[in-house]
Every structure is written in structure tokens, then in C-alpha cells.
């Protein structure tokens, strides 16, 4: 029978049992998911109400709304991953 080898080889000085700070990631995801969602909605409303001669322009506000929407999506995905990992590890 063949001896099992670790799937990942550790390089560097990290401990073999290192774990991520799931509580901190959970707190940050719970904080920033609604915050980014609200800022996405706010920029979208401001972009919809922008006139052609307003500063910042409608395109700039739309760009900010898209960026905040991407950040909302990333924070929500991280929240899902953290919750799933906490269920399996704890």
C-alpha cells in the first residue's frame, strides 16, 4: 500500500495548521455587503437624475454604480463562502 502524501506542499514559514480569520471575514462581509448595495443604489439614482450639464457626469456616476455593484457581488460571494466554511469546519 502506498503512503499518503499531503496534497499541498507548504513553502515558507507558515504553520501547517494555519487557518483564516473566518469571524473577521464574516463581520466584514456582513458590514460591507449592504453598504455597497446602498451605494450602488444611490449612484444609480444620482446617475438617473443627472442632467447633461451636471458635474459629475452621468457616465461617471454610472461607472461608480457599476464598480459598487461589482464590490457588492464580491462581498456577497465572500459572505456565502465564509458561511459555508464555518458550517463545515466548526
C-alpha atoms as a PDB file:
ATOM      1  CA  UNK A   1       0.000   0.000   0.000  1.00  0.00           C
ATOM      2  CA  UNK A   2       1.239   3.449  -0.849  1.00  0.00           C
ATOM      3  CA  UNK A   3       1.819   6.097   1.815  1.00  0.00           C
ATOM      4  CA  UNK A   4      -0.338   9.176   1.518  1.00  0.00           C
ATOM      5  CA  UNK A   5       1.335  12.456   0.767  1.00  0.00           C
ATOM      6  CA  UNK A   6      -0.046  15.900   1.512  1.00  0.00           C
ATOM      7  CA  UNK A   7      -1.984  17.477  -1.295  1.00  0.00           C
ATOM      8  CA  UNK A   8      -0.284  20.839  -0.932  1.00  0.00           C
ATOM      9  CA  UNK A   9       3.330  21.367  -0.139  1.00  0.00           C
ATOM     10  CA  UNK A  10       3.987  24.155   2.336  1.00  0.00           C
ATOM     11  CA  UNK A  11       6.679  26.555   1.331  1.00  0.00           C
ATOM     12  CA  UNK A  12       7.803  29.237   3.703  1.00  0.00           C
ATOM     13  CA  UNK A  13       7.399  29.590   7.422  1.00  0.00           C
ATOM     14  CA  UNK A  14       3.624  29.329   7.807  1.00  0.00           C
ATOM     15  CA  UNK A  15       2.384  26.795  10.319  1.00  0.00           C
ATOM     16  CA  UNK A  16       0.892  23.599   8.977  1.00  0.00           C
ATOM     17  CA  UNK A  17      -2.404  24.233  10.799  1.00  0.00           C
ATOM     18  CA  UNK A  18      -2.865  27.874   9.763  1.00  0.00           C
ATOM     19  CA  UNK A  19      -6.488  28.962   9.360  1.00  0.00           C
ATOM     20  CA  UNK A  20      -8.070  32.114   8.060  1.00  0.00           C
ATOM     21  CA  UNK A  21      -9.864  34.513  10.371  1.00  0.00           C
ATOM     22  CA  UNK A  22     -13.417  33.478   9.480  1.00  0.00           C
ATOM     23  CA  UNK A  23     -15.026  35.593  12.198  1.00  0.00           C
ATOM     24  CA  UNK A  24     -13.367  38.744  10.868  1.00  0.00           C
ATOM     25  CA  UNK A  25     -14.266  37.882   7.278  1.00  0.00           C
ATOM     26  CA  UNK A  26     -17.851  37.251   8.368  1.00  0.00           C
ATOM     27  CA  UNK A  27     -18.031  40.593  10.150  1.00  0.00           C
ATOM     28  CA  UNK A  28     -16.543  42.466   7.201  1.00  0.00           C
ATOM     29  CA  UNK A  29     -18.831  40.746   4.706  1.00  0.00           C
ATOM     30  CA  UNK A  30     -21.905  41.408   6.841  1.00  0.00           C
ATOM     31  CA  UNK A  31     -20.905  45.069   7.099  1.00  0.00           C
ATOM     32  CA  UNK A  32     -19.899  45.792   3.531  1.00  0.00           C
ATOM     33  CA  UNK A  33     -22.473  43.826   1.533  1.00  0.00           C
ATOM     34  CA  UNK A  34     -25.385  46.119   2.491  1.00  0.00           C
ATOM     35  CA  UNK A  35     -23.131  49.192   2.437  1.00  0.00           C
ATOM     36  CA  UNK A  36     -22.015  48.522  -1.132  1.00  0.00           C
ATOM     37  CA  UNK A  37     -25.582  47.688  -2.147  1.00  0.00           C
ATOM     38  CA  UNK A  38     -26.828  51.022  -0.786  1.00  0.00           C
ATOM     39  CA  UNK A  39     -24.061  52.977  -2.505  1.00  0.00           C
ATOM     40  CA  UNK A  40     -24.824  51.159  -5.758  1.00  0.00           C
ATOM     41  CA  UNK A  41     -28.458  52.226  -5.493  1.00  0.00           C
ATOM     42  CA  UNK A  42     -27.500  55.787  -4.556  1.00  0.00           C
ATOM     43  CA  UNK A  43     -25.129  56.191  -7.506  1.00  0.00           C
ATOM     44  CA  UNK A  44     -27.725  54.670  -9.838  1.00  0.00           C
ATOM     45  CA  UNK A  45     -30.361  57.155  -8.644  1.00  0.00           C
ATOM     46  CA  UNK A  46     -27.938  60.077  -8.959  1.00  0.00           C
ATOM     47  CA  UNK A  47     -26.994  58.928 -12.472  1.00  0.00           C
ATOM     48  CA  UNK A  48     -30.660  58.693 -13.464  1.00  0.00           C
ATOM     49  CA  UNK A  49     -31.326  62.233 -12.211  1.00  0.00           C
ATOM     50  CA  UNK A  50     -28.185  63.758 -13.765  1.00  0.00           C
ATOM     51  CA  UNK A  51     -28.678  66.391 -16.430  1.00  0.00           C
ATOM     52  CA  UNK A  52     -26.404  66.685 -19.469  1.00  0.00           C
ATOM     53  CA  UNK A  53     -24.513  69.637 -17.961  1.00  0.00           C
ATOM     54  CA  UNK A  54     -24.220  68.323 -14.399  1.00  0.00           C
ATOM     55  CA  UNK A  55     -20.934  67.606 -12.670  1.00  0.00           C
ATOM     56  CA  UNK A  56     -20.067  64.739 -12.203  1.00  0.00           C
ATOM     57  CA  UNK A  57     -21.442  63.493 -15.479  1.00  0.00           C
ATOM     58  CA  UNK A  58     -23.983  60.728 -15.877  1.00  0.00           C
ATOM     59  CA  UNK A  59     -21.302  58.412 -17.265  1.00  0.00           C
ATOM     60  CA  UNK A  60     -19.092  58.926 -14.223  1.00  0.00           C
ATOM     61  CA  UNK A  61     -21.944  58.199 -11.835  1.00  0.00           C
ATOM     62  CA  UNK A  62     -22.879  55.118 -13.842  1.00  0.00           C
ATOM     63  CA  UNK A  63     -19.269  53.923 -13.633  1.00  0.00           C
ATOM     64  CA  UNK A  64     -19.298  54.370  -9.862  1.00  0.00           C
ATOM     65  CA  UNK A  65     -22.579  52.435  -9.668  1.00  0.00           C
ATOM     66  CA  UNK A  66     -21.103  49.570 -11.694  1.00  0.00           C
ATOM     67  CA  UNK A  67     -17.953  49.476  -9.525  1.00  0.00           C
ATOM     68  CA  UNK A  68     -20.027  49.413  -6.336  1.00  0.00           C
ATOM     69  CA  UNK A  69     -22.222  46.703  -7.856  1.00  0.00           C
ATOM     70  CA  UNK A  70     -19.150  44.549  -8.524  1.00  0.00           C
ATOM     71  CA  UNK A  71     -17.967  45.121  -4.943  1.00  0.00           C
ATOM     72  CA  UNK A  72     -21.431  44.145  -3.685  1.00  0.00           C
ATOM     73  CA  UNK A  73     -21.252  40.931  -5.675  1.00  0.00           C
ATOM     74  CA  UNK A  74     -17.764  40.107  -4.362  1.00  0.00           C
ATOM     75  CA  UNK A  75     -18.776  40.792  -0.748  1.00  0.00           C
ATOM     76  CA  UNK A  76     -21.883  38.616  -1.140  1.00  0.00           C
ATOM     77  CA  UNK A  77     -19.836  35.777  -2.623  1.00  0.00           C
ATOM     78  CA  UNK A  78     -17.346  36.037   0.242  1.00  0.00           C
ATOM     79  CA  UNK A  79     -20.225  36.002   2.728  1.00  0.00           C
ATOM     80  CA  UNK A  80     -21.555  32.804   1.138  1.00  0.00           C
ATOM     81  CA  UNK A  81     -18.115  31.166   1.204  1.00  0.00           C
ATOM     82  CA  UNK A  82     -17.486  32.117   4.837  1.00  0.00           C
ATOM     83  CA  UNK A  83     -20.873  30.818   5.987  1.00  0.00           C
ATOM     84  CA  UNK A  84     -20.355  27.544   4.112  1.00  0.00           C
ATOM     85  CA  UNK A  85     -16.844  27.100   5.545  1.00  0.00           C
ATOM     86  CA  UNK A  86     -17.994  27.865   9.088  1.00  0.00           C
ATOM     87  CA  UNK A  87     -20.664  25.174   8.812  1.00  0.00           C
ATOM     88  CA  UNK A  88     -18.165  22.549   7.676  1.00  0.00           C
ATOM     89  CA  UNK A  89     -15.221  23.489   9.937  1.00  0.00           C
ATOM     90  CA  UNK A  90     -16.924  24.296  13.216  1.00  0.00           C
END
